[in-house]
């Protein structure tokens, strides 16, 4: 897993899970629906 913490949200706020056939297939946002959390993306 990669845990990436960003200064600001740059992906659509409604997205909780992102998938593609790219080199890293699955991403999700632990901060989804948690406005008090910093913007975080987890790559699995």
ModelCIF file with pLDDT and N, C-alpha, C, O atoms, coordinates in Angstrom:
data_MODEL
#
_entry.id   MODEL 
#
_entity.id                         1 
_entity.type                       polymer 
_entity.pdbx_number_of_molecules   1 
#
_entity_poly.entity_id                      1 
_entity_poly.type                           'polypeptide(L)' 
_entity_poly.nstd_linkage                   no 
_entity_poly.nstd_monomer                   no 
_entity_poly.pdbx_seq_one_letter_code       
;(UNK)(UNK)(UNK)(UNK)(UNK)(UNK)(UNK)(UNK)(UNK)(UNK)(UNK)(UNK)(UNK)(UNK)(UNK)(UNK)
(UNK)(UNK)(UNK)(UNK)(UNK)(UNK)(UNK)(UNK)(UNK)(UNK)(UNK)(UNK)(UNK)(UNK)(UNK)(UNK)
(UNK)(UNK)(UNK)(UNK)(UNK)(UNK)(UNK)(UNK)(UNK)(UNK)(UNK)(UNK)
;
_entity_poly.pdbx_seq_one_letter_code_can   XXXXXXXXXXXXXXXXXXXXXXXXXXXXXXXXXXXXXXXXXXXX 
_entity_poly.pdbx_strand_id                 A 
#
loop_
_entity_poly_seq.entity_id 
_entity_poly_seq.num 
_entity_poly_seq.mon_id 
_entity_poly_seq.hetero 
1 1  UNK n 
1 2  UNK n 
1 3  UNK n 
1 4  UNK n 
1 5  UNK n 
1 6  UNK n 
1 7  UNK n 
1 8  UNK n 
1 9  UNK n 
1 10 UNK n 
1 11 UNK n 
1 12 UNK n 
1 13 UNK n 
1 14 UNK n 
1 15 UNK n 
1 16 UNK n 
1 17 UNK n 
1 18 UNK n 
1 19 UNK n 
1 20 UNK n 
1 21 UNK n 
1 22 UNK n 
1 23 UNK n 
1 24 UNK n 
1 25 UNK n 
1 26 UNK n 
1 27 UNK n 
1 28 UNK n 
1 29 UNK n 
1 30 UNK n 
1 31 UNK n 
1 32 UNK n 
1 33 UNK n 
1 34 UNK n 
1 35 UNK n 
1 36 UNK n 
1 37 UNK n 
1 38 UNK n 
1 39 UNK n 
1 40 UNK n 
1 41 UNK n 
1 42 UNK n 
1 43 UNK n 
1 44 UNK n 
#
_struct_asym.id          A 
_struct_asym.entity_id   1 
#
loop_
_ma_qa_metric.id 
_ma_qa_metric.mode 
_ma_qa_metric.name 
_ma_qa_metric.software_group_id 
_ma_qa_metric.type 
1 global pLDDT . pLDDT 
2 local  pLDDT . pLDDT 
#
_ma_qa_metric_global.metric_id      1 
_ma_qa_metric_global.metric_value   83.41 
_ma_qa_metric_global.model_id       1 
_ma_qa_metric_global.ordinal_id     1 
#
loop_
_ma_qa_metric_local.label_asym_id 
_ma_qa_metric_local.label_comp_id 
_ma_qa_metric_local.label_seq_id 
_ma_qa_metric_local.metric_id 
_ma_qa_metric_local.metric_value 
_ma_qa_metric_local.model_id 
_ma_qa_metric_local.ordinal_id 
A UNK 1  2 87.00 1 1  
A UNK 2  2 85.00 1 2  
A UNK 3  2 87.00 1 3  
A UNK 4  2 87.00 1 4  
A UNK 5  2 89.00 1 5  
A UNK 6  2 88.00 1 6  
A UNK 7  2 88.00 1 7  
A UNK 8  2 88.00 1 8  
A UNK 9  2 86.00 1 9  
A UNK 10 2 83.00 1 10 
A UNK 11 2 82.00 1 11 
A UNK 12 2 80.00 1 12 
A UNK 13 2 81.00 1 13 
A UNK 14 2 80.00 1 14 
A UNK 15 2 80.00 1 15 
A UNK 16 2 83.00 1 16 
A UNK 17 2 83.00 1 17 
A UNK 18 2 83.00 1 18 
A UNK 19 2 81.00 1 19 
A UNK 20 2 76.00 1 20 
A UNK 21 2 75.00 1 21 
A UNK 22 2 73.00 1 22 
A UNK 23 2 72.00 1 23 
A UNK 24 2 80.00 1 24 
A UNK 25 2 81.00 1 25 
A UNK 26 2 85.00 1 26 
A UNK 27 2 87.00 1 27 
A UNK 28 2 87.00 1 28 
A UNK 29 2 86.00 1 29 
A UNK 30 2 83.00 1 30 
A UNK 31 2 80.00 1 31 
A UNK 32 2 82.00 1 32 
A UNK 33 2 81.00 1 33 
A UNK 34 2 80.00 1 34 
A UNK 35 2 80.00 1 35 
A UNK 36 2 80.00 1 36 
A UNK 37 2 82.00 1 37 
A UNK 38 2 87.00 1 38 
A UNK 39 2 89.00 1 39 
A UNK 40 2 89.00 1 40 
A UNK 41 2 89.00 1 41 
A UNK 42 2 90.00 1 42 
A UNK 43 2 88.00 1 43 
A UNK 44 2 87.00 1 44 
#
loop_
_atom_site.group_PDB 
_atom_site.id 
_atom_site.type_symbol 
_atom_site.label_atom_id 
_atom_site.label_alt_id 
_atom_site.label_comp_id 
_atom_site.label_asym_id 
_atom_site.label_entity_id 
_atom_site.label_seq_id 
_atom_site.pdbx_PDB_ins_code 
_atom_site.Cartn_x 
_atom_site.Cartn_y 
_atom_site.Cartn_z 
_atom_site.occupancy 
_atom_site.B_iso_or_equiv 
_atom_site.pdbx_formal_charge 
_atom_site.auth_seq_id 
_atom_site.auth_comp_id 
_atom_site.auth_asym_id 
_atom_site.auth_atom_id 
_atom_site.pdbx_PDB_model_num 
ATOM 1   N N  . UNK A 1 1  ? 0.845   -1.196 0.000   1.00 87.00 ? 1  UNK A N  1 
ATOM 2   C CA . UNK A 1 1  ? 0.000   0.000  0.000   1.00 87.00 ? 1  UNK A CA 1 
ATOM 3   C C  . UNK A 1 1  ? 0.878   1.241  0.000   1.00 87.00 ? 1  UNK A C  1 
ATOM 4   O O  . UNK A 1 1  ? 1.965   1.261  0.577   1.00 87.00 ? 1  UNK A O  1 
ATOM 5   N N  . UNK A 1 2  ? 0.377   2.269  -0.660  1.00 85.00 ? 2  UNK A N  1 
ATOM 6   C CA . UNK A 1 2  ? 0.980   3.593  -0.587  1.00 85.00 ? 2  UNK A CA 1 
ATOM 7   C C  . UNK A 1 2  ? -0.036  4.530  0.046   1.00 85.00 ? 2  UNK A C  1 
ATOM 8   O O  . UNK A 1 2  ? -1.184  4.582  -0.394  1.00 85.00 ? 2  UNK A O  1 
ATOM 9   N N  . UNK A 1 3  ? 0.365   5.260  1.057   1.00 87.00 ? 3  UNK A N  1 
ATOM 10  C CA . UNK A 1 3  ? -0.498  6.253  1.693   1.00 87.00 ? 3  UNK A CA 1 
ATOM 11  C C  . UNK A 1 3  ? 0.050   7.633  1.330   1.00 87.00 ? 3  UNK A C  1 
ATOM 12  O O  . UNK A 1 3  ? 1.170   7.985  1.703   1.00 87.00 ? 3  UNK A O  1 
ATOM 13  N N  . UNK A 1 4  ? -0.745  8.401  0.606   1.00 87.00 ? 4  UNK A N  1 
ATOM 14  C CA . UNK A 1 4  ? -0.313  9.712  0.144   1.00 87.00 ? 4  UNK A CA 1 
ATOM 15  C C  . UNK A 1 4  ? -1.190  10.793 0.771   1.00 87.00 ? 4  UNK A C  1 
ATOM 16  O O  . UNK A 1 4  ? -2.411  10.774 0.619   1.00 87.00 ? 4  UNK A O  1 
ATOM 17  N N  . UNK A 1 5  ? -0.566  11.728 1.472   1.00 89.00 ? 5  UNK A N  1 
ATOM 18  C CA . UNK A 1 5  ? -1.278  12.829 2.117   1.00 89.00 ? 5  UNK A CA 1 
ATOM 19  C C  . UNK A 1 5  ? -0.995  14.103 1.319   1.00 89.00 ? 5  UNK A C  1 
ATOM 20  O O  . UNK A 1 5  ? 0.163   14.430 1.056   1.00 89.00 ? 5  UNK A O  1 
ATOM 21  N N  . UNK A 1 6  ? -2.049  14.816 0.935   1.00 88.00 ? 6  UNK A N  1 
ATOM 22  C CA . UNK A 1 6  ? -1.916  16.005 0.095   1.00 88.00 ? 6  UNK A CA 1 
ATOM 23  C C  . UNK A 1 6  ? -2.330  17.259 0.874   1.00 88.00 ? 6  UNK A C  1 
ATOM 24  O O  . UNK A 1 6  ? -3.037  17.184 1.879   1.00 88.00 ? 6  UNK A O  1 
ATOM 25  N N  . UNK A 1 7  ? -1.875  18.396 0.387   1.00 88.00 ? 7  UNK A N  1 
ATOM 26  C CA . UNK A 1 7  ? -2.231  19.663 1.023   1.00 88.00 ? 7  UNK A CA 1 
ATOM 27  C C  . UNK A 1 7  ? -3.693  20.029 0.769   1.00 88.00 ? 7  UNK A C  1 
ATOM 28  O O  . UNK A 1 7  ? -4.330  20.673 1.601   1.00 88.00 ? 7  UNK A O  1 
ATOM 29  N N  . UNK A 1 8  ? -4.213  19.619 -0.373  1.00 88.00 ? 8  UNK A N  1 
ATOM 30  C CA . UNK A 1 8  ? -5.601  19.962 -0.691  1.00 88.00 ? 8  UNK A CA 1 
ATOM 31  C C  . UNK A 1 8  ? -6.209  18.873 -1.560  1.00 88.00 ? 8  UNK A C  1 
ATOM 32  O O  . UNK A 1 8  ? -5.495  18.107 -2.207  1.00 88.00 ? 8  UNK A O  1 
ATOM 33  N N  . UNK A 1 9  ? -7.529  18.814 -1.568  1.00 86.00 ? 9  UNK A N  1 
ATOM 34  C CA . UNK A 1 9  ? -8.266  17.827 -2.359  1.00 86.00 ? 9  UNK A CA 1 
ATOM 35  C C  . UNK A 1 9  ? -8.247  18.248 -3.828  1.00 86.00 ? 9  UNK A C  1 
ATOM 36  O O  . UNK A 1 9  ? -8.645  19.366 -4.155  1.00 86.00 ? 9  UNK A O  1 
ATOM 37  N N  . UNK A 1 10 ? -7.788  17.364 -4.712  1.00 83.00 ? 10 UNK A N  1 
ATOM 38  C CA . UNK A 1 10 ? -7.761  17.704 -6.136  1.00 83.00 ? 10 UNK A CA 1 
ATOM 39  C C  . UNK A 1 10 ? -8.554  16.701 -6.974  1.00 83.00 ? 10 UNK A C  1 
ATOM 40  O O  . UNK A 1 10 ? -8.645  16.848 -8.193  1.00 83.00 ? 10 UNK A O  1 
ATOM 41  N N  . UNK A 1 11 ? -9.132  15.676 -6.325  1.00 82.00 ? 11 UNK A N  1 
ATOM 42  C CA . UNK A 1 11 ? -9.991  14.737 -7.033  1.00 82.00 ? 11 UNK A CA 1 
ATOM 43  C C  . UNK A 1 11 ? -11.447 15.029 -6.646  1.00 82.00 ? 11 UNK A C  1 
ATOM 44  O O  . UNK A 1 11 ? -11.694 15.643 -5.609  1.00 82.00 ? 11 UNK A O  1 
ATOM 45  N N  . UNK A 1 12 ? -12.401 14.601 -7.457  1.00 80.00 ? 12 UNK A N  1 
ATOM 46  C CA . UNK A 1 12 ? -13.807 14.878 -7.145  1.00 80.00 ? 12 UNK A CA 1 
ATOM 47  C C  . UNK A 1 12 ? -14.195 14.377 -5.753  1.00 80.00 ? 12 UNK A C  1 
ATOM 48  O O  . UNK A 1 12 ? -13.925 13.228 -5.402  1.00 80.00 ? 12 UNK A O  1 
ATOM 49  N N  . UNK A 1 13 ? -14.813 15.221 -4.986  1.00 81.00 ? 13 UNK A N  1 
ATOM 50  C CA . UNK A 1 13 ? -15.118 14.906 -3.589  1.00 81.00 ? 13 UNK A CA 1 
ATOM 51  C C  . UNK A 1 13 ? -16.031 13.696 -3.454  1.00 81.00 ? 13 UNK A C  1 
ATOM 52  O O  . UNK A 1 13 ? -15.993 13.009 -2.433  1.00 81.00 ? 13 UNK A O  1 
ATOM 53  N N  . UNK A 1 14 ? -16.849 13.423 -4.462  1.00 80.00 ? 14 UNK A N  1 
ATOM 54  C CA . UNK A 1 14 ? -17.800 12.315 -4.382  1.00 80.00 ? 14 UNK A CA 1 
ATOM 55  C C  . UNK A 1 14 ? -17.136 10.962 -4.609  1.00 80.00 ? 14 UNK A C  1 
ATOM 56  O O  . UNK A 1 14 ? -17.764 9.930  -4.375  1.00 80.00 ? 14 UNK A O  1 
ATOM 57  N N  . UNK A 1 15 ? -15.883 10.940 -5.060  1.00 80.00 ? 15 UNK A N  1 
ATOM 58  C CA . UNK A 1 15 ? -15.216 9.677  -5.367  1.00 80.00 ? 15 UNK A CA 1 
ATOM 59  C C  . UNK A 1 15 ? -14.645 9.050  -4.096  1.00 80.00 ? 15 UNK A C  1 
ATOM 60  O O  . UNK A 1 15 ? -13.900 9.694  -3.356  1.00 80.00 ? 15 UNK A O  1 
ATOM 61  N N  . UNK A 1 16 ? -14.998 7.803  -3.855  1.00 83.00 ? 16 UNK A N  1 
ATOM 62  C CA . UNK A 1 16 ? -14.410 7.055  -2.744  1.00 83.00 ? 16 UNK A CA 1 
ATOM 63  C C  . UNK A 1 16 ? -13.472 5.969  -3.249  1.00 83.00 ? 16 UNK A C  1 
ATOM 64  O O  . UNK A 1 16 ? -12.582 5.532  -2.519  1.00 83.00 ? 16 UNK A O  1 
ATOM 65  N N  . UNK A 1 17 ? -13.663 5.521  -4.505  1.00 83.00 ? 17 UNK A N  1 
ATOM 66  C CA . UNK A 1 17 ? -12.850 4.450  -5.078  1.00 83.00 ? 17 UNK A CA 1 
ATOM 67  C C  . UNK A 1 17 ? -12.535 4.774  -6.527  1.00 83.00 ? 17 UNK A C  1 
ATOM 68  O O  . UNK A 1 17 ? -13.419 5.180  -7.281  1.00 83.00 ? 17 UNK A O  1 
ATOM 69  N N  . UNK A 1 18 ? -11.283 4.598  -6.919  1.00 83.00 ? 18 UNK A N  1 
ATOM 70  C CA . UNK A 1 18 ? -10.841 4.864  -8.286  1.00 83.00 ? 18 UNK A CA 1 
ATOM 71  C C  . UNK A 1 18 ? -10.145 3.612  -8.817  1.00 83.00 ? 18 UNK A C  1 
ATOM 72  O O  . UNK A 1 18 ? -9.327  3.008  -8.123  1.00 83.00 ? 18 UNK A O  1 
ATOM 73  N N  . UNK A 1 19 ? -10.475 3.226  -10.059 1.00 81.00 ? 19 UNK A N  1 
ATOM 74  C CA . UNK A 1 19 ? -9.882  2.021  -10.650 1.00 81.00 ? 19 UNK A CA 1 
ATOM 75  C C  . UNK A 1 19 ? -9.570  2.255  -12.118 1.00 81.00 ? 19 UNK A C  1 
ATOM 76  O O  . UNK A 1 19 ? -10.251 3.023  -12.798 1.00 81.00 ? 19 UNK A O  1 
ATOM 77  N N  . UNK A 1 20 ? -8.525  1.578  -12.600 1.00 76.00 ? 20 UNK A N  1 
ATOM 78  C CA . UNK A 1 20 ? -8.191  1.629  -14.018 1.00 76.00 ? 20 UNK A CA 1 
ATOM 79  C C  . UNK A 1 20 ? -7.258  0.461  -14.323 1.00 76.00 ? 20 UNK A C  1 
ATOM 80  O O  . UNK A 1 20 ? -6.899  -0.305 -13.429 1.00 76.00 ? 20 UNK A O  1 
ATOM 81  N N  . UNK A 1 21 ? -6.872  0.332  -15.576 1.00 75.00 ? 21 UNK A N  1 
ATOM 82  C CA . UNK A 1 21 ? -5.884  -0.671 -15.969 1.00 75.00 ? 21 UNK A CA 1 
ATOM 83  C C  . UNK A 1 21 ? -4.472  -0.084 -15.945 1.00 75.00 ? 21 UNK A C  1 
ATOM 84  O O  . UNK A 1 21 ? -3.549  -0.673 -16.508 1.00 75.00 ? 21 UNK A O  1 
ATOM 85  N N  . UNK A 1 22 ? -4.301  1.053  -15.307 1.00 73.00 ? 22 UNK A N  1 
ATOM 86  C CA . UNK A 1 22 ? -2.993  1.682  -15.206 1.00 73.00 ? 22 UNK A CA 1 
ATOM 87  C C  . UNK A 1 22 ? -2.055  0.881  -14.327 1.00 73.00 ? 22 UNK A C  1 
ATOM 88  O O  . UNK A 1 22 ? -2.431  -0.172 -13.813 1.00 73.00 ? 22 UNK A O  1 
ATOM 89  N N  . UNK A 1 23 ? -0.831  1.372  -14.147 1.00 72.00 ? 23 UNK A N  1 
ATOM 90  C CA . UNK A 1 23 ? 0.183   0.623  -13.388 1.00 72.00 ? 23 UNK A CA 1 
ATOM 91  C C  . UNK A 1 23 ? -0.203  0.385  -11.934 1.00 72.00 ? 23 UNK A C  1 
ATOM 92  O O  . UNK A 1 23 ? 0.191   -0.623 -11.349 1.00 72.00 ? 23 UNK A O  1 
ATOM 93  N N  . UNK A 1 24 ? -0.970  1.303  -11.343 1.00 80.00 ? 24 UNK A N  1 
ATOM 94  C CA . UNK A 1 24 ? -1.508  1.101  -9.996  1.00 80.00 ? 24 UNK A CA 1 
ATOM 95  C C  . UNK A 1 24 ? -3.025  1.073  -10.150 1.00 80.00 ? 24 UNK A C  1 
ATOM 96  O O  . UNK A 1 24 ? -3.652  2.087  -10.456 1.00 80.00 ? 24 UNK A O  1 
ATOM 97  N N  . UNK A 1 25 ? -3.602  -0.106 -9.932  1.00 81.00 ? 25 UNK A N  1 
ATOM 98  C CA . UNK A 1 25 ? -4.957  -0.363 -10.396 1.00 81.00 ? 25 UNK A CA 1 
ATOM 99  C C  . UNK A 1 25 ? -6.046  0.226  -9.502  1.00 81.00 ? 25 UNK A C  1 
ATOM 100 O O  . UNK A 1 25 ? -7.073  0.680  -10.007 1.00 81.00 ? 25 UNK A O  1 
ATOM 101 N N  . UNK A 1 26 ? -5.841  0.227  -8.194  1.00 85.00 ? 26 UNK A N  1 
ATOM 102 C CA . UNK A 1 26 ? -6.899  0.594  -7.258  1.00 85.00 ? 26 UNK A CA 1 
ATOM 103 C C  . UNK A 1 26 ? -6.416  1.684  -6.303  1.00 85.00 ? 26 UNK A C  1 
ATOM 104 O O  . UNK A 1 26 ? -5.359  1.573  -5.682  1.00 85.00 ? 26 UNK A O  1 
ATOM 105 N N  . UNK A 1 27 ? -7.220  2.735  -6.206  1.00 87.00 ? 27 UNK A N  1 
ATOM 106 C CA . UNK A 1 27 ? -7.000  3.806  -5.237  1.00 87.00 ? 27 UNK A CA 1 
ATOM 107 C C  . UNK A 1 27 ? -8.305  4.046  -4.500  1.00 87.00 ? 27 UNK A C  1 
ATOM 108 O O  . UNK A 1 27 ? -9.384  3.884  -5.069  1.00 87.00 ? 27 UNK A O  1 
ATOM 109 N N  . UNK A 1 28 ? -8.208  4.434  -3.234  1.00 87.00 ? 28 UNK A N  1 
ATOM 110 C CA . UNK A 1 28 ? -9.395  4.889  -2.524  1.00 87.00 ? 28 UNK A CA 1 
ATOM 111 C C  . UNK A 1 28 ? -9.011  6.010  -1.568  1.00 87.00 ? 28 UNK A C  1 
ATOM 112 O O  . UNK A 1 28 ? -7.838  6.237  -1.273  1.00 87.00 ? 28 UNK A O  1 
ATOM 113 N N  . UNK A 1 29 ? -10.036 6.697  -1.098  1.00 86.00 ? 29 UNK A N  1 
ATOM 114 C CA . UNK A 1 29 ? -9.801  7.852  -0.242  1.00 86.00 ? 29 UNK A CA 1 
ATOM 115 C C  . UNK A 1 29 ? -10.292 7.573  1.171   1.00 86.00 ? 29 UNK A C  1 
ATOM 116 O O  . UNK A 1 29 ? -11.501 7.564  1.406   1.00 86.00 ? 29 UNK A O  1 
ATOM 117 N N  . UNK A 1 30 ? -9.372  7.342  2.136   1.00 83.00 ? 30 UNK A N  1 
ATOM 118 C CA . UNK A 1 30 ? -9.796  7.160  3.527   1.00 83.00 ? 30 UNK A CA 1 
ATOM 119 C C  . UNK A 1 30 ? -10.496 8.395  4.093   1.00 83.00 ? 30 UNK A C  1 
ATOM 120 O O  . UNK A 1 30 ? -11.239 8.297  5.070   1.00 83.00 ? 30 UNK A O  1 
ATOM 121 N N  . UNK A 1 31 ? -10.260 9.559  3.478   1.00 80.00 ? 31 UNK A N  1 
ATOM 122 C CA . UNK A 1 31 ? -10.870 10.791 3.971   1.00 80.00 ? 31 UNK A CA 1 
ATOM 123 C C  . UNK A 1 31 ? -12.237 11.059 3.345   1.00 80.00 ? 31 UNK A C  1 
ATOM 124 O O  . UNK A 1 31 ? -12.838 12.106 3.587   1.00 80.00 ? 31 UNK A O  1 
ATOM 125 N N  . UNK A 1 32 ? -12.732 10.108 2.534   1.00 82.00 ? 32 UNK A N  1 
ATOM 126 C CA . UNK A 1 32 ? -14.059 10.266 1.935   1.00 82.00 ? 32 UNK A CA 1 
ATOM 127 C C  . UNK A 1 32 ? -15.121 10.407 3.021   1.00 82.00 ? 32 UNK A C  1 
ATOM 128 O O  . UNK A 1 32 ? -15.191 9.583  3.932   1.00 82.00 ? 32 UNK A O  1 
ATOM 129 N N  . UNK A 1 33 ? -15.937 11.434 2.929   1.00 81.00 ? 33 UNK A N  1 
ATOM 130 C CA . UNK A 1 33 ? -17.012 11.703 3.884   1.00 81.00 ? 33 UNK A CA 1 
ATOM 131 C C  . UNK A 1 33 ? -16.475 11.974 5.290   1.00 81.00 ? 33 UNK A C  1 
ATOM 132 O O  . UNK A 1 33 ? -17.184 11.796 6.280   1.00 81.00 ? 33 UNK A O  1 
ATOM 133 N N  . UNK A 1 34 ? -15.217 12.403 5.366   1.00 80.00 ? 34 UNK A N  1 
ATOM 134 C CA . UNK A 1 34 ? -14.611 12.774 6.649   1.00 80.00 ? 34 UNK A CA 1 
ATOM 135 C C  . UNK A 1 34 ? -13.989 14.160 6.487   1.00 80.00 ? 34 UNK A C  1 
ATOM 136 O O  . UNK A 1 34 ? -12.775 14.266 6.313   1.00 80.00 ? 34 UNK A O  1 
ATOM 137 N N  . UNK A 1 35 ? -14.771 15.198 6.539   1.00 80.00 ? 35 UNK A N  1 
ATOM 138 C CA . UNK A 1 35 ? -14.249 16.543 6.278   1.00 80.00 ? 35 UNK A CA 1 
ATOM 139 C C  . UNK A 1 35 ? -13.170 16.968 7.260   1.00 80.00 ? 35 UNK A C  1 
ATOM 140 O O  . UNK A 1 35 ? -12.375 17.859 6.963   1.00 80.00 ? 35 UNK A O  1 
ATOM 141 N N  . UNK A 1 36 ? -13.138 16.326 8.443   1.00 80.00 ? 36 UNK A N  1 
ATOM 142 C CA . UNK A 1 36 ? -12.133 16.705 9.430   1.00 80.00 ? 36 UNK A CA 1 
ATOM 143 C C  . UNK A 1 36 ? -10.772 16.062 9.156   1.00 80.00 ? 36 UNK A C  1 
ATOM 144 O O  . UNK A 1 36 ? -9.786  16.412 9.804   1.00 80.00 ? 36 UNK A O  1 
ATOM 145 N N  . UNK A 1 37 ? -10.705 15.124 8.203   1.00 82.00 ? 37 UNK A N  1 
ATOM 146 C CA . UNK A 1 37 ? -9.459  14.429 7.881   1.00 82.00 ? 37 UNK A CA 1 
ATOM 147 C C  . UNK A 1 37 ? -8.723  15.169 6.773   1.00 82.00 ? 37 UNK A C  1 
ATOM 148 O O  . UNK A 1 37 ? -9.356  15.819 5.941   1.00 82.00 ? 37 UNK A O  1 
ATOM 149 N N  . UNK A 1 38 ? -7.390  15.078 6.747   1.00 87.00 ? 38 UNK A N  1 
ATOM 150 C CA . UNK A 1 38 ? -6.640  15.654 5.618   1.00 87.00 ? 38 UNK A CA 1 
ATOM 151 C C  . UNK A 1 38 ? -6.900  14.842 4.354   1.00 87.00 ? 38 UNK A C  1 
ATOM 152 O O  . UNK A 1 38 ? -7.286  13.677 4.450   1.00 87.00 ? 38 UNK A O  1 
ATOM 153 N N  . UNK A 1 39 ? -6.700  15.427 3.167   1.00 89.00 ? 39 UNK A N  1 
ATOM 154 C CA . UNK A 1 39 ? -6.898  14.680 1.924   1.00 89.00 ? 39 UNK A CA 1 
ATOM 155 C C  . UNK A 1 39 ? -5.863  13.543 1.796   1.00 89.00 ? 39 UNK A C  1 
ATOM 156 O O  . UNK A 1 39 ? -4.659  13.790 1.731   1.00 89.00 ? 39 UNK A O  1 
ATOM 157 N N  . UNK A 1 40 ? -6.348  12.330 1.763   1.00 89.00 ? 40 UNK A N  1 
ATOM 158 C CA . UNK A 1 40 ? -5.467  11.150 1.701   1.00 89.00 ? 40 UNK A CA 1 
ATOM 159 C C  . UNK A 1 40 ? -5.940  10.227 0.590   1.00 89.00 ? 40 UNK A C  1 
ATOM 160 O O  . UNK A 1 40 ? -7.142  10.020 0.420   1.00 89.00 ? 40 UNK A O  1 
ATOM 161 N N  . UNK A 1 41 ? -5.010  9.679  -0.157  1.00 89.00 ? 41 UNK A N  1 
ATOM 162 C CA . UNK A 1 41 ? -5.296  8.614  -1.118  1.00 89.00 ? 41 UNK A CA 1 
ATOM 163 C C  . UNK A 1 41 ? -4.468  7.390  -0.757  1.00 89.00 ? 41 UNK A C  1 
ATOM 164 O O  . UNK A 1 41 ? -3.279  7.492  -0.453  1.00 89.00 ? 41 UNK A O  1 
ATOM 165 N N  . UNK A 1 42 ? -5.116  6.235  -0.795  1.00 90.00 ? 42 UNK A N  1 
ATOM 166 C CA . UNK A 1 42 ? -4.436  4.962  -0.562  1.00 90.00 ? 42 UNK A CA 1 
ATOM 167 C C  . UNK A 1 42 ? -4.380  4.199  -1.870  1.00 90.00 ? 42 UNK A C  1 
ATOM 168 O O  . UNK A 1 42 ? -5.405  3.985  -2.517  1.00 90.00 ? 42 UNK A O  1 
ATOM 169 N N  . UNK A 1 43 ? -3.186  3.791  -2.259  1.00 88.00 ? 43 UNK A N  1 
ATOM 170 C CA . UNK A 1 43 ? -3.012  2.941  -3.442  1.00 88.00 ? 43 UNK A CA 1 
ATOM 171 C C  . UNK A 1 43 ? -2.772  1.514  -2.967  1.00 88.00 ? 43 UNK A C  1 
ATOM 172 O O  . UNK A 1 43 ? -1.930  1.276  -2.101  1.00 88.00 ? 43 UNK A O  1 
ATOM 173 N N  . UNK A 1 44 ? -3.515  0.563  -3.536  1.00 87.00 ? 44 UNK A N  1 
ATOM 174 C CA . UNK A 1 44 ? -3.336  -0.851 -3.196  1.00 87.00 ? 44 UNK A CA 1 
ATOM 175 C C  . UNK A 1 44 ? -2.812  -1.569 -4.428  1.00 87.00 ? 44 UNK A C  1 
ATOM 176 O O  . UNK A 1 44 ? -2.582  -2.778 -4.386  1.00 87.00 ? 44 UNK A O  1 
#
